[in-house]
Amino acid sequence: MRAAGVVIPVRDEAELLARCLSAVRVAVAVAGLPVHVVLVLDGCTDDSDEVLAAAGALGQSTQILRIDEANVGAARAAGCALLLRRYGVRGLWLATTDADSAVGPTWLRQQLRYARAGYDAVAGTVTIDDWTSYREDSQHAYRRGYRQHWGHGHVHGANLGFRADAYVAAGGFTALTTHEDVALIAALTAVGRRIAWADDVPVMTSGRRLGRAPGGLSRFLSALPAAQL
């Protein structure tokens, strides 16, 4: 790989965005190659812009792209398209996370190791940042049902990476309000690309019950019984 790009869709994420950006900055610094970060602000009405301004540059370069679609699939697609125009397909690795999430320090470096090992895409796991508003039995039920091992089969837009040529061959992200990540992995599989269902690149994500994607992780968490506060 000669370069990497990180795409982060942002929709009214001022509360958690600074954490996301701090984590990405660390991961980019140790990636071992030039990294371009694209933040796609999708119809934001809060102070996300101010948070971005305070954060400064991430990686070799940082670009803010503004759209007004209220559609996470469209946001990810727009960010990837910008990177493809800048770098072309050859030797480019694309990674995505979410503004309510915090990647680990070696997140991008580990994805690139899988790329060097011959994988076309990496689908990683997530951990929940805060369980205090949930009952203990709800936490146990979630952890029993969530597979944290190689070959886990989970797909999270907060923790994806893929070769640019594989992404293009699969048709890219579709403009879905939810499960755009699942659709991409299915398309990659359909065109014969190798997926690393990795358990060693976890990303911490928000345990909030009300998320931005109507059918995302927050919807699943919202079905868990809340703690009595």
C-alpha atoms as a PDB file:
ATOM      1  CA  MET A   1       0.000   0.000   0.000  1.00  0.00           C
ATOM      2  CA  ARG A   2       1.300   3.463  -0.883  1.00  0.00           C
ATOM      3  CA  ALA A   3      -1.373   5.483   0.949  1.00  0.00           C
ATOM      4  CA  ALA A   4      -4.440   5.130   3.142  1.00  0.00           C
ATOM      5  CA  GLY A   5      -7.597   7.128   3.623  1.00  0.00           C
ATOM      6  CA  VAL A   6      -9.911   7.254   6.627  1.00  0.00           C
ATOM      7  CA  VAL A   7     -13.551   8.261   6.102  1.00  0.00           C
ATOM      8  CA  ILE A   8     -15.638   9.455   9.062  1.00  0.00           C
ATOM      9  CA  PRO A   9     -19.298  10.415   8.573  1.00  0.00           C
ATOM     10  CA  VAL A  10     -20.462  13.080  11.029  1.00  0.00           C
ATOM     11  CA  ARG A  11     -24.064  13.981  11.801  1.00  0.00           C
ATOM     12  CA  ASP A  12     -24.571  16.106  14.917  1.00  0.00           C
ATOM     13  CA  GLU A  13     -21.771  14.429  16.868  1.00  0.00           C
ATOM     14  CA  ALA A  14     -20.306  17.389  18.756  1.00  0.00           C
ATOM     15  CA  GLU A  15     -20.530  15.551  22.073  1.00  0.00           C
ATOM     16  CA  LEU A  16     -18.358  12.585  21.057  1.00  0.00           C
ATOM     17  CA  LEU A  17     -16.421  13.856  18.060  1.00  0.00           C
ATOM     18  CA  ALA A  18     -13.343  15.102  19.929  1.00  0.00           C
ATOM     19  CA  ARG A  19     -12.763  11.618  21.359  1.00  0.00           C
ATOM     20  CA  CYS A  20     -13.021  10.116  17.889  1.00  0.00           C
ATOM     21  CA  LEU A  21     -10.567  12.587  16.388  1.00  0.00           C
ATOM     22  CA  SER A  22      -8.012  12.146  19.178  1.00  0.00           C
ATOM     23  CA  ALA A  23      -8.051   8.386  18.666  1.00  0.00           C
ATOM     24  CA  VAL A  24      -7.754   8.659  14.885  1.00  0.00           C
ATOM     25  CA  ARG A  25      -4.822  11.060  15.238  1.00  0.00           C
ATOM     26  CA  VAL A  26      -2.878   8.472  17.244  1.00  0.00           C
ATOM     27  CA  ALA A  27      -3.727   5.610  14.858  1.00  0.00           C
ATOM     28  CA  VAL A  28      -2.732   7.655  11.820  1.00  0.00           C
ATOM     29  CA  ALA A  29       0.594   8.674  13.387  1.00  0.00           C
ATOM     30  CA  VAL A  30       1.775   5.059  13.661  1.00  0.00           C
ATOM     31  CA  ALA A  31       0.242   3.728  10.430  1.00  0.00           C
ATOM     32  CA  GLY A  32       3.569   3.768   8.618  1.00  0.00           C
ATOM     33  CA  LEU A  33       2.395   5.463   5.405  1.00  0.00           C
ATOM     34  CA  PRO A  34       0.715   8.694   4.285  1.00  0.00           C
ATOM     35  CA  VAL A  35      -2.880   8.942   5.527  1.00  0.00           C
ATOM     36  CA  HIS A  36      -5.557  11.356   4.322  1.00  0.00           C
ATOM     37  CA  VAL A  37      -8.560  11.805   6.650  1.00  0.00           C
ATOM     38  CA  VAL A  38     -11.941  12.832   5.232  1.00  0.00           C
ATOM     39  CA  LEU A  39     -14.706  14.005   7.566  1.00  0.00           C
ATOM     40  CA  VAL A  40     -18.098  14.044   5.878  1.00  0.00           C
ATOM     41  CA  LEU A  41     -20.446  16.432   7.673  1.00  0.00           C
ATOM     42  CA  ASP A  42     -23.936  15.342   6.722  1.00  0.00           C
ATOM     43  CA  GLY A  43     -26.544  17.968   7.528  1.00  0.00           C
ATOM     44  CA  CYS A  44     -25.022  18.906  10.888  1.00  0.00           C
ATOM     45  CA  THR A  45     -26.936  21.460  12.956  1.00  0.00           C
ATOM     46  CA  ASP A  46     -24.858  21.305  16.153  1.00  0.00           C
ATOM     47  CA  ASP A  47     -21.306  22.414  16.992  1.00  0.00           C
ATOM     48  CA  SER A  48     -19.498  19.639  15.097  1.00  0.00           C
ATOM     49  CA  ASP A  49     -17.799  22.270  12.898  1.00  0.00           C
ATOM     50  CA  GLU A  50     -16.322  23.979  15.945  1.00  0.00           C
ATOM     51  CA  VAL A  51     -15.026  20.677  17.312  1.00  0.00           C
ATOM     52  CA  LEU A  52     -13.307  19.973  13.999  1.00  0.00           C
ATOM     53  CA  ALA A  53     -11.751  23.426  13.905  1.00  0.00           C
ATOM     54  CA  ALA A  54     -10.352  22.978  17.404  1.00  0.00           C
ATOM     55  CA  ALA A  55      -8.943  19.549  16.567  1.00  0.00           C
ATOM     56  CA  GLY A  56      -6.737  20.749  13.727  1.00  0.00           C
ATOM     57  CA  ALA A  57      -5.142  18.506  11.114  1.00  0.00           C
ATOM     58  CA  LEU A  58      -5.137  14.723  11.308  1.00  0.00           C
ATOM     59  CA  GLY A  59      -2.570  12.694   9.425  1.00  0.00           C
ATOM     60  CA  GLN A  60      -0.765  13.967   6.359  1.00  0.00           C
ATOM     61  CA  SER A  61      -3.858  15.925   5.375  1.00  0.00           C
ATOM     62  CA  THR A  62      -7.430  16.408   6.490  1.00  0.00           C
ATOM     63  CA  GLN A  63     -10.416  17.441   4.426  1.00  0.00           C
ATOM     64  CA  ILE A  64     -13.956  18.351   5.440  1.00  0.00           C
ATOM     65  CA  LEU A  65     -16.696  17.472   2.974  1.00  0.00           C
ATOM     66  CA  ARG A  66     -20.235  18.767   3.467  1.00  0.00           C
ATOM     67  CA  ILE A  67     -23.364  17.059   2.198  1.00  0.00           C
ATOM     68  CA  ASP A  68     -27.017  17.233   3.198  1.00  0.00           C
ATOM     69  CA  GLU A  69     -28.370  13.726   2.710  1.00  0.00           C
ATOM     70  CA  ALA A  70     -29.046  12.396   6.229  1.00  0.00           C
ATOM     71  CA  ASN A  71     -27.749   9.120   4.823  1.00  0.00           C
ATOM     72  CA  VAL A  72     -24.725   7.309   6.207  1.00  0.00           C
ATOM     73  CA  GLY A  73     -24.251   5.252   3.047  1.00  0.00           C
ATOM     74  CA  ALA A  74     -24.134   8.393   0.931  1.00  0.00           C
ATOM     75  CA  ALA A  75     -21.711   9.993   3.395  1.00  0.00           C
ATOM     76  CA  ARG A  76     -19.290   7.069   3.337  1.00  0.00           C
ATOM     77  CA  ALA A  77     -19.544   6.863  -0.461  1.00  0.00           C
ATOM     78  CA  ALA A  78     -18.808  10.581  -0.822  1.00  0.00           C
ATOM     79  CA  GLY A  79     -15.725  10.329   1.369  1.00  0.00           C
ATOM     80  CA  CYS A  80     -14.406   7.303  -0.507  1.00  0.00           C
ATOM     81  CA  ALA A  81     -15.054   8.998  -3.857  1.00  0.00           C
ATOM     82  CA  LEU A  82     -12.985  12.000  -2.784  1.00  0.00           C
ATOM     83  CA  LEU A  83     -10.070   9.739  -1.844  1.00  0.00           C
ATOM     84  CA  LEU A  84     -10.298   7.808  -5.110  1.00  0.00           C
ATOM     85  CA  ARG A  85     -10.170  11.046  -7.075  1.00  0.00           C
ATOM     86  CA  ARG A  86      -7.107  12.152  -5.162  1.00  0.00           C
ATOM     87  CA  TYR A  87      -5.091   8.920  -5.105  1.00  0.00           C
ATOM     88  CA  GLY A  88      -6.572   6.641  -7.736  1.00  0.00           C
ATOM     89  CA  VAL A  89      -7.194   2.964  -7.113  1.00  0.00           C
ATOM     90  CA  ARG A  90      -3.699   1.484  -7.154  1.00  0.00           C
ATOM     91  CA  GLY A  91      -2.103   0.924  -3.759  1.00  0.00           C
ATOM     92  CA  LEU A  92      -4.803   2.726  -1.777  1.00  0.00           C
ATOM     93  CA  TRP A  93      -6.326   1.359   1.423  1.00  0.00           C
ATOM     94  CA  LEU A  94      -9.649   2.800   2.598  1.00  0.00           C
ATOM     95  CA  ALA A  95     -10.842   2.605   6.208  1.00  0.00           C
ATOM     96  CA  THR A  96     -14.021   3.819   7.861  1.00  0.00           C
ATOM     97  CA  THR A  97     -15.038   4.540  11.414  1.00  0.00           C
ATOM     98  CA  ASP A  98     -17.807   6.547  13.093  1.00  0.00           C
ATOM     99  CA  ALA A  99     -17.806   9.866  14.921  1.00  0.00           C
ATOM    100  CA  ASP A 100     -19.206   8.273  18.104  1.00  0.00           C
ATOM    101  CA  SER A 101     -16.390   5.718  18.197  1.00  0.00           C
ATOM    102  CA  ALA A 102     -12.733   5.581  19.222  1.00  0.00           C
ATOM    103  CA  VAL A 103     -10.294   3.427  17.281  1.00  0.00           C
ATOM    104  CA  GLY A 104      -7.330   1.804  18.986  1.00  0.00           C
ATOM    105  CA  PRO A 105      -3.749   3.051  18.508  1.00  0.00           C
ATOM    106  CA  THR A 106      -2.838   0.188  16.150  1.00  0.00           C
ATOM    107  CA  TRP A 107      -6.202   0.073  14.341  1.00  0.00           C
ATOM    108  CA  LEU A 108      -4.981   1.223  10.945  1.00  0.00           C
ATOM    109  CA  ARG A 109      -1.592  -0.469  11.204  1.00  0.00           C
ATOM    110  CA  GLN A 110      -3.256  -3.824  11.909  1.00  0.00           C
ATOM    111  CA  GLN A 111      -5.621  -3.389   8.960  1.00  0.00           C
ATOM    112  CA  LEU A 112      -2.624  -2.770   6.713  1.00  0.00           C
ATOM    113  CA  ARG A 113      -0.966  -5.934   7.992  1.00  0.00           C
ATOM    114  CA  TYR A 114      -4.001  -7.881   6.835  1.00  0.00           C
ATOM    115  CA  ALA A 115      -3.720  -6.158   3.466  1.00  0.00           C
ATOM    116  CA  ARG A 116      -0.091  -7.265   3.170  1.00  0.00           C
ATOM    117  CA  ALA A 117      -1.190 -10.797   4.076  1.00  0.00           C
ATOM    118  CA  GLY A 118      -3.455 -10.843   1.021  1.00  0.00           C
ATOM    119  CA  TYR A 119      -6.831  -9.865   2.443  1.00  0.00           C
ATOM    120  CA  ASP A 120      -9.018  -7.470   0.490  1.00  0.00           C
ATOM    121  CA  ALA A 121     -11.072  -6.230   3.438  1.00  0.00           C
ATOM    122  CA  VAL A 122     -11.061  -6.234   7.230  1.00  0.00           C
ATOM    123  CA  ALA A 123     -14.243  -6.410   9.302  1.00  0.00           C
ATOM    124  CA  GLY A 124     -13.467  -5.775  12.957  1.00  0.00           C
ATOM    125  CA  THR A 125     -15.425  -5.992  16.192  1.00  0.00           C
ATOM    126  CA  VAL A 126     -16.626  -3.271  18.560  1.00  0.00           C
ATOM    127  CA  THR A 127     -16.763  -2.829  22.315  1.00  0.00           C
ATOM    128  CA  ILE A 128     -19.312  -0.677  24.160  1.00  0.00           C
ATOM    129  CA  ASP A 129     -17.895   2.351  25.960  1.00  0.00           C
ATOM    130  CA  ASP A 130     -20.386   2.669  28.817  1.00  0.00           C
ATOM    131  CA  TRP A 131     -22.854   0.164  30.258  1.00  0.00           C
ATOM    132  CA  THR A 132     -23.963   2.211  33.269  1.00  0.00           C
ATOM    133  CA  SER A 133     -27.475   2.829  31.930  1.00  0.00           C
ATOM    134  CA  TYR A 134     -28.096  -0.890  31.368  1.00  0.00           C
ATOM    135  CA  ARG A 135     -28.939  -3.646  33.793  1.00  0.00           C
ATOM    136  CA  GLU A 136     -26.204  -6.157  34.510  1.00  0.00           C
ATOM    137  CA  ASP A 137     -28.185  -9.024  32.993  1.00  0.00           C
ATOM    138  CA  SER A 138     -28.552  -7.004  29.786  1.00  0.00           C
ATOM    139  CA  GLN A 139     -24.798  -6.596  29.570  1.00  0.00           C
ATOM    140  CA  HIS A 140     -24.283 -10.322  30.077  1.00  0.00           C
ATOM    141  CA  ALA A 141     -26.870 -11.152  27.417  1.00  0.00           C
ATOM    142  CA  TYR A 142     -25.162  -8.874  24.915  1.00  0.00           C
ATOM    143  CA  ARG A 143     -21.718 -10.286  25.633  1.00  0.00           C
ATOM    144  CA  ARG A 144     -22.962 -13.857  25.359  1.00  0.00           C
ATOM    145  CA  GLY A 145     -24.446 -13.162  21.945  1.00  0.00           C
ATOM    146  CA  TYR A 146     -21.624 -11.043  20.550  1.00  0.00           C
ATOM    147  CA  ARG A 147     -18.757 -13.087  19.123  1.00  0.00           C
ATOM    148  CA  GLN A 148     -15.308 -11.672  19.896  1.00  0.00           C
ATOM    149  CA  HIS A 149     -13.187 -14.178  17.981  1.00  0.00           C
ATOM    150  CA  TRP A 150     -11.685 -14.713  14.542  1.00  0.00           C
ATOM    151  CA  GLY A 151     -14.399 -15.361  11.968  1.00  0.00           C
ATOM    152  CA  HIS A 152     -16.991 -13.528  14.094  1.00  0.00           C
ATOM    153  CA  GLY A 153     -19.209 -12.450  11.168  1.00  0.00           C
ATOM    154  CA  HIS A 154     -20.108  -9.008  12.570  1.00  0.00           C
ATOM    155  CA  VAL A 155     -20.051  -5.961  10.292  1.00  0.00           C
ATOM    156  CA  HIS A 156     -19.666  -2.432  11.663  1.00  0.00           C
ATOM    157  CA  GLY A 157     -19.096   0.722   9.655  1.00  0.00           C
ATOM    158  CA  ALA A 158     -17.174   1.924  12.715  1.00  0.00           C
ATOM    159  CA  ASN A 159     -14.527  -0.720  12.021  1.00  0.00           C
ATOM    160  CA  LEU A 160     -14.034  -1.486   8.342  1.00  0.00           C
ATOM    161  CA  GLY A 161     -11.121  -1.383   5.924  1.00  0.00           C
ATOM    162  CA  PHE A 162     -10.691  -2.466   2.298  1.00  0.00           C
ATOM    163  CA  ARG A 163      -8.502  -2.174  -0.771  1.00  0.00           C
ATOM    164  CA  ALA A 164      -9.635   0.571  -3.095  1.00  0.00           C
ATOM    165  CA  ASP A 165      -9.634  -1.755  -6.113  1.00  0.00           C
ATOM    166  CA  ALA A 166     -11.824  -4.249  -4.244  1.00  0.00           C
ATOM    167  CA  TYR A 167     -14.170  -1.453  -3.194  1.00  0.00           C
ATOM    168  CA  VAL A 168     -14.584  -0.301  -6.787  1.00  0.00           C
ATOM    169  CA  ALA A 169     -15.047  -3.865  -8.057  1.00  0.00           C
ATOM    170  CA  ALA A 170     -17.843  -4.385  -5.514  1.00  0.00           C
ATOM    171  CA  GLY A 171     -19.650  -1.196  -6.536  1.00  0.00           C
ATOM    172  CA  GLY A 172     -18.807   0.819  -3.427  1.00  0.00           C
ATOM    173  CA  PHE A 173     -21.118   1.979  -0.666  1.00  0.00           C
ATOM    174  CA  THR A 174     -24.762   2.337  -1.604  1.00  0.00           C
ATOM    175  CA  ALA A 175     -26.918   5.219  -0.357  1.00  0.00           C
ATOM    176  CA  LEU A 176     -28.616   3.265   2.419  1.00  0.00           C
ATOM    177  CA  THR A 177     -29.643   4.876   5.700  1.00  0.00           C
ATOM    178  CA  THR A 178     -28.558   1.724   7.510  1.00  0.00           C
ATOM    179  CA  HIS A 179     -26.678  -1.522   6.777  1.00  0.00           C
ATOM    180  CA  GLU A 180     -24.614   0.106   4.043  1.00  0.00           C
ATOM    181  CA  ASP A 181     -21.645  -1.612   5.682  1.00  0.00           C
ATOM    182  CA  VAL A 182     -23.308  -5.036   5.526  1.00  0.00           C
ATOM    183  CA  ALA A 183     -24.226  -4.461   1.872  1.00  0.00           C
ATOM    184  CA  LEU A 184     -20.621  -3.619   0.993  1.00  0.00           C
ATOM    185  CA  ILE A 185     -19.201  -6.724   2.667  1.00  0.00           C
ATOM    186  CA  ALA A 186     -21.837  -8.848   0.904  1.00  0.00           C
ATOM    187  CA  ALA A 187     -20.859  -7.280  -2.422  1.00  0.00           C
ATOM    188  CA  LEU A 188     -17.158  -7.876  -1.762  1.00  0.00           C
ATOM    189  CA  THR A 189     -17.887 -11.504  -0.957  1.00  0.00           C
ATOM    190  CA  ALA A 190     -19.995 -11.852  -4.112  1.00  0.00           C
ATOM    191  CA  VAL A 191     -17.070 -10.773  -6.302  1.00  0.00           C
ATOM    192  CA  GLY A 192     -14.739 -13.233  -4.603  1.00  0.00           C
ATOM    193  CA  ARG A 193     -12.759 -10.924  -2.337  1.00  0.00           C
ATOM    194  CA  ARG A 194     -11.117 -12.199   0.864  1.00  0.00           C
ATOM    195  CA  ILE A 195     -12.522 -10.844   4.131  1.00  0.00           C
ATOM    196  CA  ALA A 196     -10.531 -10.910   7.375  1.00  0.00           C
ATOM    197  CA  TRP A 197     -13.071 -11.287  10.178  1.00  0.00           C
ATOM    198  CA  ALA A 198     -10.542  -9.912  12.624  1.00  0.00           C
ATOM    199  CA  ASP A 199     -10.720 -10.011  16.406  1.00  0.00           C
ATOM    200  CA  ASP A 200      -7.514  -8.072  17.083  1.00  0.00           C
ATOM    201  CA  VAL A 201      -8.567  -4.601  15.882  1.00  0.00           C
ATOM    202  CA  PRO A 202     -11.526  -3.692  18.142  1.00  0.00           C
ATOM    203  CA  VAL A 203     -13.061  -0.225  18.120  1.00  0.00           C
ATOM    204  CA  MET A 204     -14.844   1.286  21.120  1.00  0.00           C
ATOM    205  CA  THR A 205     -18.249   2.706  20.254  1.00  0.00           C
ATOM    206  CA  SER A 206     -21.025   4.548  22.022  1.00  0.00           C
ATOM    207  CA  GLY A 207     -23.534   2.650  24.130  1.00  0.00           C
ATOM    208  CA  ARG A 208     -26.236   5.233  23.500  1.00  0.00           C
ATOM    209  CA  ARG A 209     -29.763   4.058  22.781  1.00  0.00           C
ATOM    210  CA  LEU A 210     -30.571   6.737  20.215  1.00  0.00           C
ATOM    211  CA  GLY A 211     -28.168   6.659  17.285  1.00  0.00           C
ATOM    212  CA  ARG A 212     -27.984   8.268  13.850  1.00  0.00           C
ATOM    213  CA  ALA A 213     -28.690   5.204  11.675  1.00  0.00           C
ATOM    214  CA  PRO A 214     -32.259   3.911  12.118  1.00  0.00           C
ATOM    215  CA  GLY A 215     -31.256   0.249  12.100  1.00  0.00           C
ATOM    216  CA  GLY A 216     -27.759   0.461  13.535  1.00  0.00           C
ATOM    217  CA  LEU A 217     -26.191  -0.781  16.753  1.00  0.00           C
ATOM    218  CA  SER A 218     -28.140   1.725  18.853  1.00  0.00           C
ATOM    219  CA  ARG A 219     -31.402   0.148  17.776  1.00  0.00           C
ATOM    220  CA  PHE A 220     -30.204  -3.228  19.025  1.00  0.00           C
ATOM    221  CA  LEU A 221     -28.986  -1.727  22.287  1.00  0.00           C
ATOM    222  CA  SER A 222     -32.267   0.125  22.771  1.00  0.00           C
ATOM    223  CA  ALA A 223     -34.030  -3.230  23.007  1.00  0.00           C
ATOM    224  CA  LEU A 224     -31.966  -4.145  26.073  1.00  0.00           C
ATOM    225  CA  PRO A 225     -33.634  -3.402  29.429  1.00  0.00           C
ATOM    226  CA  ALA A 226     -32.364  -0.180  30.986  1.00  0.00           C
ATOM    227  CA  ALA A 227     -30.969   0.082  34.464  1.00  0.00           C
ATOM    228  CA  GLN A 228     -33.266   1.661  37.052  1.00  0.00           C
ATOM    229  CA  LEU A 229     -31.679   5.062  37.562  1.00  0.00           C
END
